């Protein structure tokens, strides 16, 4: 999705590098509407709030945990003098910034004459959510310039609508060049974990749903009692924060976000759900609105608690760690991709041998390959692939035609060329762009399980192929490194993701994908048995 950027005009862009308006102690830049800050009381002398020198001392000498606590408990109002330097120093101290190359990059992006150049906004911008907050017209123009340069220098960002809002916010307190450096650092910082693909953005809804079941149980239970499913949490929950919350709350959230990343956004969303239940749902005359998204948005706009209480709820949630979010992110992105693939599969549902005992449905099997199938461009874009030429965007014979034919140069005593072709069509598209490598075979390495582990540990993903003495051929696609078994608390615990699947090639060809796709919200514990291993055995699937 993109929007048009009008011709750039130096006279109204506010593009000159400025540290802020020369109006007393205001922290706002010249990009901000004068009517906004002139109506606010000067708060630079507010007592008991850390000053710029306090911020410098903490950032230079304190540990990361102490800096987190410092930011969480320092409730600077929007117009406090410290914020203009705080945001810049946070970005410079915790992540890579681009130095002084913005002007050069701007020239490369727009050419020598900015006044006559017209350029479309990058594809990661959603025109429905181009929030400018309190920027003047010139400030909004600068936002578009900075976002366009980010699109030019970060072409692998496919879909990230929050970037526009973040850019607008930073321009309230940062110069044009400083804003670009901060946004570039945020995009490139893996610990921030800002969604940058459509898949990652869609996965955030499912991540928040799981977190709500753990941290906002009363709200989830009340929704169920009122006939609303927890799936009713909207895809655009992030706009509760970036659009609906008052500006005073938003900038305080960004204070912590610049250090801790998207974990803070999930905390803020959970706090909204908790407070929504506490102050609205519990009301004697109130019932849950069937349009939950509209109801929560309205609640955020008129939030009845102060910013101090809001932050107390946000950071009172225990155990919400970056490691937990990284694990959830991987699983939910796999789930979103599985949902997309299942939507294109045939309706016939083959039954596995264990279905009768597990009472589980098996997801539809992949259809037999056709002579020509349309390419899934979204899946390729999600991995930032540059291996597809414009001529290939229309259709492709099969996934293996994207760059090479691996089975012509790879020999196996188990598989024929036809077998390889069948398996290759079952693999995720991004995997078909890699050359397979034989790392273990009983003919050469023996039948010791320890030897098997020593060969496959560190390899991800992997294909396991077995041919029995009765000439039956079966196998599995294992999405996770087998060495993860060492990290499990129990001797034999399951791990892995929904991309794992098992298959048979002889006497018949059948693929058995993850059953969780077809079960949806009714997924049982047994449906998450992907991979398990110890010194005596390895398992794929279970029940």
Protein backbone atom coordinates (compact mmCIF):
# COMPACT_ATOMS: atom_id res chain seq x y z
CA UNK A 1 0.00 0.00 0.00
CA UNK A 2 1.34 3.39 -0.88
CA UNK A 3 0.38 7.02 -1.07
CA UNK A 4 1.49 9.95 -3.17
CA UNK A 5 4.06 12.42 -1.94
CA UNK A 6 3.53 15.91 -3.33
CA UNK A 7 6.34 17.97 -4.76
CA UNK A 8 8.78 18.96 -2.02
CA UNK A 9 8.91 22.65 -1.20
CA UNK A 10 11.72 24.06 0.90
CA UNK A 11 9.57 26.93 2.05
CA UNK A 12 7.03 24.79 3.93
CA UNK A 13 8.79 21.52 4.62
CA UNK A 14 10.46 22.54 7.82
CA UNK A 15 13.36 20.58 6.39
CA UNK A 16 16.15 22.78 7.73
CA UNK A 17 18.01 21.10 10.53
CA UNK A 18 16.71 22.73 13.71
CA UNK A 19 17.03 21.69 17.32
CA UNK A 20 13.70 23.30 18.24
CA UNK A 21 11.88 26.56 18.50
CA UNK A 22 13.57 29.35 20.38
CA UNK A 23 10.69 29.78 22.80
CA UNK A 24 11.97 29.38 26.31
CA UNK A 25 12.42 25.81 27.40
CA UNK A 26 10.08 24.06 24.96
CA UNK A 27 11.50 20.75 23.73
CA UNK A 28 9.43 20.78 20.53
CA UNK A 29 10.98 21.30 17.10
CA UNK A 30 9.88 23.72 14.43
CA UNK A 31 7.90 20.86 12.81
CA UNK A 32 5.24 21.05 15.55
CA UNK A 33 2.10 23.17 15.25
CA UNK A 34 2.59 26.32 17.30
CA UNK A 35 -0.95 26.18 18.66
CA UNK A 36 -0.23 22.85 20.35
CA UNK A 37 2.76 23.84 22.51
CA UNK A 38 1.77 27.44 23.11
CA UNK A 39 -1.34 26.26 24.96
CA UNK A 40 0.67 24.01 27.29
CA UNK A 41 2.18 25.23 30.58
CA UNK A 42 5.95 25.22 30.77
CA UNK A 43 6.94 22.15 32.77
CA UNK A 44 10.71 22.23 32.65
CA UNK A 45 10.88 23.32 36.27
CA UNK A 46 8.56 20.60 37.56
CA UNK A 47 10.13 19.41 40.83
CA UNK A 48 11.31 15.87 41.58
CA UNK A 49 11.74 14.93 37.90
CA UNK A 50 15.18 13.89 36.58
CA UNK A 51 16.96 16.57 34.58
CA UNK A 52 19.07 16.25 31.44
CA UNK A 53 22.21 15.86 33.55
CA UNK A 54 20.54 13.05 35.52
CA UNK A 55 19.66 11.32 32.24
CA UNK A 56 23.26 11.61 31.01
CA UNK A 57 24.60 10.12 34.22
CA UNK A 58 22.22 7.16 34.15
CA UNK A 59 22.78 6.36 30.47
CA UNK A 60 26.57 6.53 30.84
CA UNK A 61 27.04 4.61 34.09
CA UNK A 62 23.98 2.48 34.92
CA UNK A 63 23.26 -1.08 33.83
CA UNK A 64 20.47 -1.81 31.35
CA UNK A 65 18.13 -2.96 34.13
CA UNK A 66 18.67 0.27 36.05
CA UNK A 67 18.06 2.32 32.91
CA UNK A 68 14.78 0.42 32.36
CA UNK A 69 13.67 1.19 35.92
CA UNK A 70 14.74 4.83 35.53
CA UNK A 71 12.63 5.30 32.38
CA UNK A 72 9.62 3.43 33.76
CA UNK A 73 9.42 5.62 36.86
CA UNK A 74 10.31 9.04 35.40
CA UNK A 75 6.98 10.53 34.36
CA UNK A 76 8.04 13.50 32.27
CA UNK A 77 5.11 15.43 30.76
CA UNK A 78 5.05 15.86 26.95
CA UNK A 79 6.63 19.32 27.04
CA UNK A 80 9.44 18.59 29.49
CA UNK A 81 12.83 19.86 28.35
CA UNK A 82 14.56 16.50 28.84
CA UNK A 83 12.74 14.57 26.13
CA UNK A 84 14.39 16.22 23.11
CA UNK A 85 17.79 14.91 24.23
CA UNK A 86 16.48 11.73 25.90
CA UNK A 87 15.13 10.11 22.72
CA UNK A 88 18.23 10.95 20.70
CA UNK A 89 20.60 9.59 23.36
CA UNK A 90 18.54 6.43 23.84
CA UNK A 91 18.76 5.62 20.13
CA UNK A 92 22.47 6.47 19.92
CA UNK A 93 23.43 4.53 23.05
CA UNK A 94 21.60 1.24 22.45
CA UNK A 95 21.62 0.70 18.68
CA UNK A 96 23.42 1.39 15.43
CA UNK A 97 22.59 4.73 13.80
CA UNK A 98 23.67 5.94 10.38
CA UNK A 99 25.89 8.83 11.39
CA UNK A 100 25.78 11.92 9.16
CA UNK A 101 24.66 10.41 5.87
CA UNK A 102 21.03 11.55 5.77
CA UNK A 103 21.59 14.52 3.46
CA UNK A 104 23.53 12.39 1.00
CA UNK A 105 20.91 9.64 1.09
CA UNK A 106 18.14 12.23 0.69
CA UNK A 107 19.84 13.54 -2.44
CA UNK A 108 20.23 10.02 -3.83
CA UNK A 109 16.54 9.36 -3.18
CA UNK A 110 15.02 12.54 -4.58
CA UNK A 111 17.69 13.81 -6.94
CA UNK A 112 19.31 17.23 -6.96
CA UNK A 113 16.08 19.23 -7.16
CA UNK A 114 13.76 18.31 -4.32
CA UNK A 115 11.21 20.99 -5.18
CA UNK A 116 10.08 19.28 -8.38
CA UNK A 117 10.36 15.64 -7.36
CA UNK A 118 7.26 13.54 -6.84
CA UNK A 119 7.64 10.13 -5.19
CA UNK A 120 5.30 7.43 -3.92
CA UNK A 121 5.48 6.43 -0.29
CA UNK A 122 7.09 3.02 0.37
CA UNK A 123 4.95 -0.11 0.24
CA UNK A 124 5.26 -0.65 4.00
CA UNK A 125 3.11 2.45 4.69
CA UNK A 126 -0.62 1.93 5.28
CA UNK A 127 -2.50 5.06 4.07
CA UNK A 128 -5.22 4.37 6.66
CA UNK A 129 -2.79 4.93 9.53
CA UNK A 130 -0.68 7.95 8.59
CA UNK A 131 -0.89 9.73 11.94
CA UNK A 132 0.82 13.11 12.19
CA UNK A 133 -0.27 13.94 15.77
CA UNK A 134 0.57 17.61 16.44
CA UNK A 135 2.85 18.27 13.47
CA UNK A 136 2.23 21.29 11.29
CA UNK A 137 1.79 20.88 7.53
CA UNK A 138 5.53 21.31 7.04
CA UNK A 139 6.24 18.67 9.67
CA UNK A 140 3.93 16.18 7.95
CA UNK A 141 5.81 16.87 4.73
CA UNK A 142 9.12 16.11 6.45
CA UNK A 143 7.66 12.87 7.83
CA UNK A 144 6.97 11.71 4.28
CA UNK A 145 10.51 12.63 3.22
CA UNK A 146 12.10 10.67 6.06
CA UNK A 147 9.84 7.65 5.46
CA UNK A 148 10.73 7.66 1.76
CA UNK A 149 14.45 7.66 2.57
CA UNK A 150 13.89 4.76 5.01
CA UNK A 151 12.14 2.89 2.20
CA UNK A 152 15.12 3.54 -0.05
CA UNK A 153 17.78 2.45 2.46
CA UNK A 154 15.78 -0.48 3.89
CA UNK A 155 14.22 -2.16 0.83
CA UNK A 156 13.69 -5.42 2.74
CA UNK A 157 10.97 -3.80 4.91
CA UNK A 158 7.78 -5.09 3.28
CA UNK A 159 4.95 -4.05 5.62
CA UNK A 160 5.42 -1.94 8.74
CA UNK A 161 2.69 0.74 9.10
CA UNK A 162 3.91 1.79 12.56
CA UNK A 163 7.06 3.31 11.04
CA UNK A 164 5.12 6.33 9.79
CA UNK A 165 3.64 7.05 13.21
CA UNK A 166 6.99 6.60 14.94
CA UNK A 167 8.59 9.01 12.49
CA UNK A 168 5.91 11.62 13.19
CA UNK A 169 6.40 11.23 16.94
CA UNK A 170 10.17 11.54 16.77
CA UNK A 171 9.87 14.71 14.70
CA UNK A 172 8.12 16.39 17.63
CA UNK A 173 11.42 16.27 19.54
CA UNK A 174 14.13 15.45 16.96
CA UNK A 175 15.57 17.13 13.92
CA UNK A 176 14.95 15.63 10.50
CA UNK A 177 18.37 14.00 10.42
CA UNK A 178 18.17 12.70 14.00
CA UNK A 179 14.75 11.21 13.28
CA UNK A 180 16.07 9.32 10.27
CA UNK A 181 18.98 7.94 12.29
CA UNK A 182 16.67 6.79 15.09
CA UNK A 183 14.16 5.12 12.76
CA UNK A 184 16.96 3.38 10.84
CA UNK A 185 18.38 2.06 14.12
CA UNK A 186 14.95 0.83 15.26
CA UNK A 187 14.33 -0.98 11.97
CA UNK A 188 17.73 -2.68 12.03
CA UNK A 189 17.69 -3.60 15.72
CA UNK A 190 16.52 -7.21 16.03
CA UNK A 191 15.86 -6.80 19.75
CA UNK A 192 13.22 -4.15 19.03
CA UNK A 193 11.39 -6.80 16.96
CA UNK A 194 9.28 -4.29 15.04
CA UNK A 195 7.07 -6.22 12.54
CA UNK A 196 8.37 -5.63 9.02
CA UNK A 197 6.31 -8.10 6.95
CA UNK A 198 2.62 -8.75 6.51
CA UNK A 199 3.03 -12.15 8.16
CA UNK A 200 4.80 -10.69 11.20
CA UNK A 201 2.17 -7.96 11.54
CA UNK A 202 -0.71 -10.46 11.35
CA UNK A 203 1.04 -12.68 13.91
CA UNK A 204 0.94 -9.89 16.54
CA UNK A 205 -2.81 -10.46 17.01
CA UNK A 206 -2.26 -14.11 17.92
CA UNK A 207 0.65 -13.19 20.18
CA UNK A 208 -1.53 -10.69 22.08
CA UNK A 209 -4.32 -13.28 22.29
CA UNK A 210 -2.00 -15.77 24.02
CA UNK A 211 -0.63 -13.08 26.32
CA UNK A 212 -4.17 -11.96 27.21
CA UNK A 213 -5.09 -15.50 28.25
CA UNK A 214 -2.19 -15.41 30.70
CA UNK A 215 -2.15 -11.81 31.92
CA UNK A 216 -5.74 -10.57 31.35
CA UNK A 217 -7.76 -13.65 32.33
CA UNK A 218 -10.74 -11.73 33.82
CA UNK A 219 -11.21 -9.87 30.54
CA UNK A 220 -11.00 -13.09 28.51
CA UNK A 221 -13.48 -14.86 30.79
CA UNK A 222 -15.91 -11.94 30.66
CA UNK A 223 -15.73 -11.92 26.86
CA UNK A 224 -16.58 -15.62 26.75
CA UNK A 225 -19.50 -15.16 29.18
CA UNK A 226 -20.80 -12.32 26.99
CA UNK A 227 -20.68 -14.43 23.83
CA UNK A 228 -17.51 -12.84 22.46
CA UNK A 229 -14.50 -14.95 21.54
CA UNK A 230 -10.98 -13.96 22.53
CA UNK A 231 -10.32 -14.00 18.76
CA UNK A 232 -12.38 -10.79 18.80
CA UNK A 233 -9.18 -8.89 19.71
CA UNK A 234 -8.72 -6.87 16.50
CA UNK A 235 -5.77 -7.09 14.16
CA UNK A 236 -5.22 -3.35 14.60
CA UNK A 237 -4.76 -3.48 18.38
CA UNK A 238 -1.52 -1.54 18.02
CA UNK A 239 -3.54 1.57 17.05
CA UNK A 240 -5.02 1.61 20.54
CA UNK A 241 -1.58 2.88 21.48
CA UNK A 242 -0.47 4.87 18.41
CA UNK A 243 -3.82 6.49 17.64
CA UNK A 244 -6.31 6.29 20.52
CA UNK A 245 -4.25 6.93 23.68
CA UNK A 246 -3.81 10.59 24.67
CA UNK A 247 -0.52 12.13 23.56
CA UNK A 248 0.75 12.31 27.16
CA UNK A 249 0.43 8.53 27.53
CA UNK A 250 1.86 7.80 24.09
CA UNK A 251 5.12 9.70 24.54
CA UNK A 252 5.68 7.99 27.88
CA UNK A 253 5.23 4.60 26.20
CA UNK A 254 7.76 5.63 23.55
CA UNK A 255 10.25 6.61 26.30
CA UNK A 256 10.40 2.94 27.28
CA UNK A 257 9.89 1.53 23.77
CA UNK A 258 13.12 3.13 22.52
CA UNK A 259 15.03 1.02 25.03
CA UNK A 260 12.98 -2.16 25.41
CA UNK A 261 11.36 -2.58 21.99
CA UNK A 262 7.96 -4.07 21.11
CA UNK A 263 7.70 -5.77 24.49
CA UNK A 264 6.53 -2.40 25.81
CA UNK A 265 3.76 -2.22 23.19
CA UNK A 266 2.40 -5.61 24.26
CA UNK A 267 2.52 -4.48 27.89
CA UNK A 268 0.59 -1.33 26.99
CA UNK A 269 -2.05 -3.35 25.10
CA UNK A 270 -2.47 -5.75 28.03
CA UNK A 271 -2.80 -2.80 30.42
CA UNK A 272 -5.56 -1.41 28.20
CA UNK A 273 -7.43 -4.74 28.30
CA UNK A 274 -7.04 -5.00 32.07
CA UNK A 275 -8.18 -1.42 32.68
CA UNK A 276 -11.01 -1.77 30.16
CA UNK A 277 -12.36 -4.71 32.17
CA UNK A 278 -11.77 -2.98 35.49
CA UNK A 279 -13.34 0.39 34.69
CA UNK A 280 -15.82 -0.33 31.89
CA UNK A 281 -16.88 -3.97 31.81
CA UNK A 282 -17.44 -4.05 35.58
CA UNK A 283 -19.77 -1.07 35.36
CA UNK A 284 -23.20 -1.97 36.74
CA UNK A 285 -25.06 -0.74 33.69
CA UNK A 286 -22.49 -1.62 31.07
CA UNK A 287 -22.30 -4.65 28.82
CA UNK A 288 -19.53 -5.59 26.44
CA UNK A 289 -20.07 -3.88 23.09
CA UNK A 290 -20.37 -6.35 20.23
CA UNK A 291 -17.96 -4.08 18.33
CA UNK A 292 -15.08 -4.64 20.72
CA UNK A 293 -12.58 -2.71 18.62
CA UNK A 294 -14.72 0.44 18.61
CA UNK A 295 -15.48 0.13 22.31
CA UNK A 296 -11.83 -0.23 23.34
CA UNK A 297 -10.79 2.62 21.04
CA UNK A 298 -13.32 4.88 22.71
CA UNK A 299 -12.13 3.77 26.14
CA UNK A 300 -8.54 4.67 25.24
CA UNK A 301 -9.53 8.12 24.02
CA UNK A 302 -11.32 8.85 27.29
CA UNK A 303 -9.13 6.72 29.53
CA UNK A 304 -10.29 7.29 33.13
CA UNK A 305 -6.97 6.62 34.87
CA UNK A 306 -3.88 8.74 35.14
CA UNK A 307 -0.63 7.97 33.37
CA UNK A 308 0.98 6.87 36.65
CA UNK A 309 -1.66 4.20 37.26
CA UNK A 310 -1.51 3.14 33.61
CA UNK A 311 2.22 2.53 33.91
CA UNK A 312 1.77 0.74 37.23
CA UNK A 313 -0.50 -1.78 35.49
CA UNK A 314 1.81 -2.02 32.46
CA UNK A 315 4.92 -2.91 34.39
CA UNK A 316 3.16 -4.87 37.11
CA UNK A 317 2.94 -7.84 34.71
CA UNK A 318 5.56 -10.38 35.77
CA UNK A 319 7.39 -12.81 33.55
CA UNK A 320 6.76 -11.08 30.21
CA UNK A 321 10.28 -11.43 28.86
CA UNK A 322 11.90 -10.85 25.49
CA UNK A 323 12.70 -14.56 25.26
CA UNK A 324 9.02 -15.45 25.70
CA UNK A 325 8.01 -13.00 22.97
CA UNK A 326 10.64 -14.31 20.58
CA UNK A 327 9.34 -17.85 21.03
CA UNK A 328 5.72 -16.72 20.56
CA UNK A 329 6.65 -14.70 17.49
CA UNK A 330 8.22 -17.70 15.75
CA UNK A 331 5.26 -19.94 16.53
CA UNK A 332 2.60 -17.43 15.51
CA UNK A 333 4.32 -16.50 12.26
CA UNK A 334 4.42 -20.21 11.41
CA UNK A 335 0.73 -20.42 12.30
CA UNK A 336 -0.18 -17.48 10.01
CA UNK A 337 1.71 -19.06 7.12
CA UNK A 338 0.00 -22.39 7.77
CA UNK A 339 -3.41 -20.68 7.69
CA UNK A 340 -2.59 -19.15 4.32
CA UNK A 341 -1.49 -22.46 2.86
CA UNK A 342 -4.51 -24.32 4.23
CA UNK A 343 -6.85 -21.85 2.51
CA UNK A 344 -5.56 -23.04 -0.86
CA UNK A 345 -5.67 -26.78 -0.10
CA UNK A 346 -8.44 -29.14 -1.29
CA UNK A 347 -11.30 -30.00 1.03
CA UNK A 348 -10.66 -33.75 1.12
CA UNK A 349 -9.21 -34.75 4.50
CA UNK A 350 -7.10 -37.92 4.62
CA UNK A 351 -7.10 -39.75 7.94
CA UNK A 352 -3.87 -40.80 9.63
CA UNK A 353 -3.56 -44.08 11.51
CA UNK A 354 -3.66 -42.36 14.90
CA UNK A 355 -6.75 -40.23 14.24
CA UNK A 356 -9.19 -42.71 15.75
CA UNK A 357 -7.31 -42.86 19.05
CA UNK A 358 -6.59 -39.11 19.22
CA UNK A 359 -10.01 -38.00 17.99
CA UNK A 360 -8.23 -35.32 15.92
CA UNK A 361 -8.78 -34.12 12.39
CA UNK A 362 -5.87 -34.09 9.97
CA UNK A 363 -5.36 -30.97 7.92
CA UNK A 364 -5.99 -31.31 4.16
CA UNK A 365 -3.19 -32.84 2.14
CA UNK A 366 -1.32 -30.90 -0.51
CA UNK A 367 -2.86 -31.51 -3.92
CA UNK A 368 -0.97 -33.27 -6.68
CA UNK A 369 1.23 -30.74 -8.51
CA UNK A 370 -0.14 -29.22 -11.66
CA UNK A 371 1.72 -28.12 -14.74
CA UNK A 372 1.58 -24.50 -13.66
CA UNK A 373 0.61 -22.98 -10.32
CA UNK A 374 0.53 -19.28 -9.42
CA UNK A 375 3.45 -18.08 -7.36
CA UNK A 376 2.74 -16.99 -3.80
CA UNK A 377 4.36 -13.57 -3.99
CA UNK A 378 3.39 -12.65 -0.42
CA UNK A 379 5.35 -15.59 0.97
CA UNK A 380 8.36 -14.64 -1.13
CA UNK A 381 8.09 -10.98 -0.12
CA UNK A 382 7.95 -11.96 3.53
CA UNK A 383 11.47 -13.35 3.30
CA UNK A 384 12.73 -10.41 1.27
CA UNK A 385 13.65 -12.67 -1.65
CA UNK A 386 15.31 -11.02 -4.63
CA UNK A 387 15.59 -14.24 -6.63
CA UNK A 388 12.33 -13.74 -8.53
CA UNK A 389 12.54 -11.70 -11.71
CA UNK A 390 9.62 -9.62 -13.01
CA UNK A 391 9.10 -12.23 -15.74
CA UNK A 392 8.59 -14.88 -13.05
CA UNK A 393 5.93 -12.95 -11.17
CA UNK A 394 3.11 -14.28 -13.34
CA UNK A 395 3.44 -18.01 -12.76
CA UNK A 396 5.99 -20.78 -12.28
CA UNK A 397 5.94 -24.48 -13.11
CA UNK A 398 6.96 -25.49 -9.56
CA UNK A 399 8.88 -24.13 -6.57
CA UNK A 400 12.12 -25.78 -7.72
CA UNK A 401 12.21 -23.62 -10.85
CA UNK A 402 12.98 -20.49 -8.82
CA UNK A 403 16.72 -20.89 -9.13
CA UNK A 404 17.92 -24.50 -9.46
CA UNK A 405 16.85 -28.13 -9.62
CA UNK A 406 18.47 -29.70 -6.54
CA UNK A 407 17.52 -33.30 -7.22
CA UNK A 408 19.47 -33.41 -10.52
CA UNK A 409 22.78 -33.13 -8.67
CA UNK A 410 21.83 -34.92 -5.46
CA UNK A 411 21.94 -38.72 -5.25
CA UNK A 412 20.06 -40.84 -2.73
CA UNK A 413 19.68 -44.60 -2.25
CA UNK A 414 16.24 -43.93 -0.71
CA UNK A 415 14.65 -41.46 -3.13
CA UNK A 416 14.08 -41.36 -6.85
CA UNK A 417 13.94 -38.13 -8.83
CA UNK A 418 10.15 -38.31 -8.77
CA UNK A 419 10.24 -38.66 -4.98
CA UNK A 420 12.44 -35.56 -4.71
CA UNK A 421 10.03 -33.60 -6.87
CA UNK A 422 7.12 -34.57 -4.64
CA UNK A 423 8.90 -33.57 -1.42
CA UNK A 424 10.16 -30.31 -2.89
CA UNK A 425 6.61 -29.18 -3.62
CA UNK A 426 5.67 -29.79 0.04
CA UNK A 427 8.48 -27.65 1.50
CA UNK A 428 8.07 -23.97 2.49
CA UNK A 429 9.00 -21.78 -0.48
CA UNK A 430 11.98 -20.18 1.24
CA UNK A 431 13.54 -23.63 1.82
CA UNK A 432 13.33 -24.53 -1.88
CA UNK A 433 15.82 -21.70 -2.53
CA UNK A 434 18.55 -23.70 -0.74
CA UNK A 435 20.68 -26.59 -1.93
CA UNK A 436 20.18 -29.79 0.10
CA UNK A 437 23.23 -31.41 1.70
CA UNK A 438 23.50 -35.00 2.89
CA UNK A 439 24.77 -34.87 6.49
CA UNK A 440 23.92 -38.36 7.76
CA UNK A 441 23.38 -41.77 6.17
CA UNK A 442 23.42 -45.19 7.85
CA UNK A 443 25.44 -46.57 4.92
CA UNK A 444 28.37 -44.32 5.81
CA UNK A 445 27.87 -43.28 9.45
CA UNK A 446 26.30 -46.38 11.02
CA UNK A 447 23.14 -46.69 13.10
CA UNK A 448 24.16 -45.07 16.39
CA UNK A 449 21.72 -42.44 17.62
CA UNK A 450 24.60 -40.51 19.18
CA UNK A 451 26.30 -40.35 15.78
CA UNK A 452 23.05 -39.14 14.24
CA UNK A 453 22.82 -36.30 16.78
CA UNK A 454 26.46 -35.34 16.32
CA UNK A 455 25.86 -35.00 12.58
CA UNK A 456 22.53 -33.14 12.62
CA UNK A 457 22.97 -30.86 15.65
CA UNK A 458 23.27 -27.29 14.43
CA UNK A 459 21.43 -27.95 11.17
CA UNK A 460 18.05 -26.30 10.63
CA UNK A 461 15.78 -27.30 8.98
CA UNK A 462 16.33 -30.97 8.13
CA UNK A 463 14.66 -33.80 6.20
CA UNK A 464 14.57 -37.25 7.76
CA UNK A 465 14.13 -40.11 5.24
CA UNK A 466 13.62 -43.78 6.09
CA UNK A 467 13.35 -46.85 3.87
CA UNK A 468 12.26 -50.03 5.64
CA UNK A 469 13.18 -53.64 4.86
CA UNK A 470 9.72 -53.95 3.24
CA UNK A 471 10.56 -51.09 0.84
CA UNK A 472 8.24 -48.64 2.60
CA UNK A 473 9.47 -45.04 2.40
CA UNK A 474 8.49 -42.46 5.00
CA UNK A 475 9.97 -39.31 6.42
CA UNK A 476 9.51 -35.94 8.05
CA UNK A 477 10.36 -32.28 7.54
CA UNK A 478 11.83 -31.05 10.85
CA UNK A 479 11.61 -27.28 11.16
CA UNK A 480 13.80 -26.88 14.26
CA UNK A 481 17.38 -27.84 15.10
CA UNK A 482 17.50 -31.20 16.94
CA UNK A 483 19.97 -29.71 19.41
CA UNK A 484 17.03 -27.83 21.04
CA UNK A 485 16.36 -31.11 22.91
CA UNK A 486 19.26 -30.16 25.21
CA UNK A 487 17.42 -27.03 26.36
CA UNK A 488 14.32 -28.91 27.54
CA UNK A 489 13.69 -29.20 31.28
CA UNK A 490 12.55 -32.81 31.09
CA UNK A 491 14.41 -35.77 29.64
CA UNK A 492 11.90 -36.08 26.80
CA UNK A 493 9.97 -32.90 25.97
CA UNK A 494 8.39 -31.78 22.73
CA UNK A 495 9.59 -28.76 20.77
CA UNK A 496 9.32 -27.47 17.21
CA UNK A 497 6.80 -25.49 15.15
CA UNK A 498 3.73 -26.06 13.00
CA UNK A 499 5.82 -26.17 9.83
CA UNK A 500 6.91 -29.70 10.80
CA UNK A 501 5.12 -32.43 8.85
CA UNK A 502 5.43 -36.17 8.19
CA UNK A 503 4.86 -37.98 4.92
CA UNK A 504 4.91 -41.35 3.16
CA UNK A 505 6.14 -42.01 -0.38
CA UNK A 506 5.65 -45.78 -0.63
CA UNK A 507 3.42 -47.64 -0.92
CA UNK A 508 1.41 -44.38 -1.31
CA UNK A 509 2.27 -40.68 -1.40
CA UNK A 510 0.65 -38.70 1.41
CA UNK A 511 1.60 -35.61 3.40
CA UNK A 512 0.29 -35.02 6.93
CA UNK A 513 0.62 -31.29 7.84
CA UNK A 514 0.07 -29.80 11.29
CA UNK A 515 -3.42 -30.59 12.60
CA UNK A 516 -3.53 -27.26 14.46
CA UNK A 517 -4.47 -25.45 11.25
CA UNK A 518 -7.78 -27.29 10.93
CA UNK A 519 -8.52 -27.38 14.66
CA UNK A 520 -8.12 -23.60 15.16
CA UNK A 521 -9.08 -22.47 18.66
CA UNK A 522 -9.91 -26.08 19.61
CA UNK A 523 -6.28 -27.19 19.24
CA UNK A 524 -5.43 -29.69 21.98
CA UNK A 525 -2.15 -30.26 23.75
CA UNK A 526 -1.50 -33.37 21.67
CA UNK A 527 -1.64 -31.24 18.53
CA UNK A 528 1.58 -29.48 19.61
CA UNK A 529 3.67 -32.66 19.68
CA UNK A 530 6.08 -31.82 16.88
CA UNK A 531 9.55 -33.15 17.78
CA UNK A 532 11.12 -34.81 20.83
CA UNK A 533 14.38 -36.64 21.44
CA UNK A 534 16.70 -38.04 24.12
CA UNK A 535 19.59 -40.49 24.25
CA UNK A 536 17.33 -43.47 23.56
CA UNK A 537 14.80 -42.31 20.98
CA UNK A 538 13.52 -39.53 18.76
CA UNK A 539 9.86 -38.78 18.04
CA UNK A 540 8.05 -36.77 15.39
CA UNK A 541 4.36 -36.33 16.14
CA UNK A 542 2.60 -38.18 18.94
CA UNK A 543 -0.60 -39.02 20.73
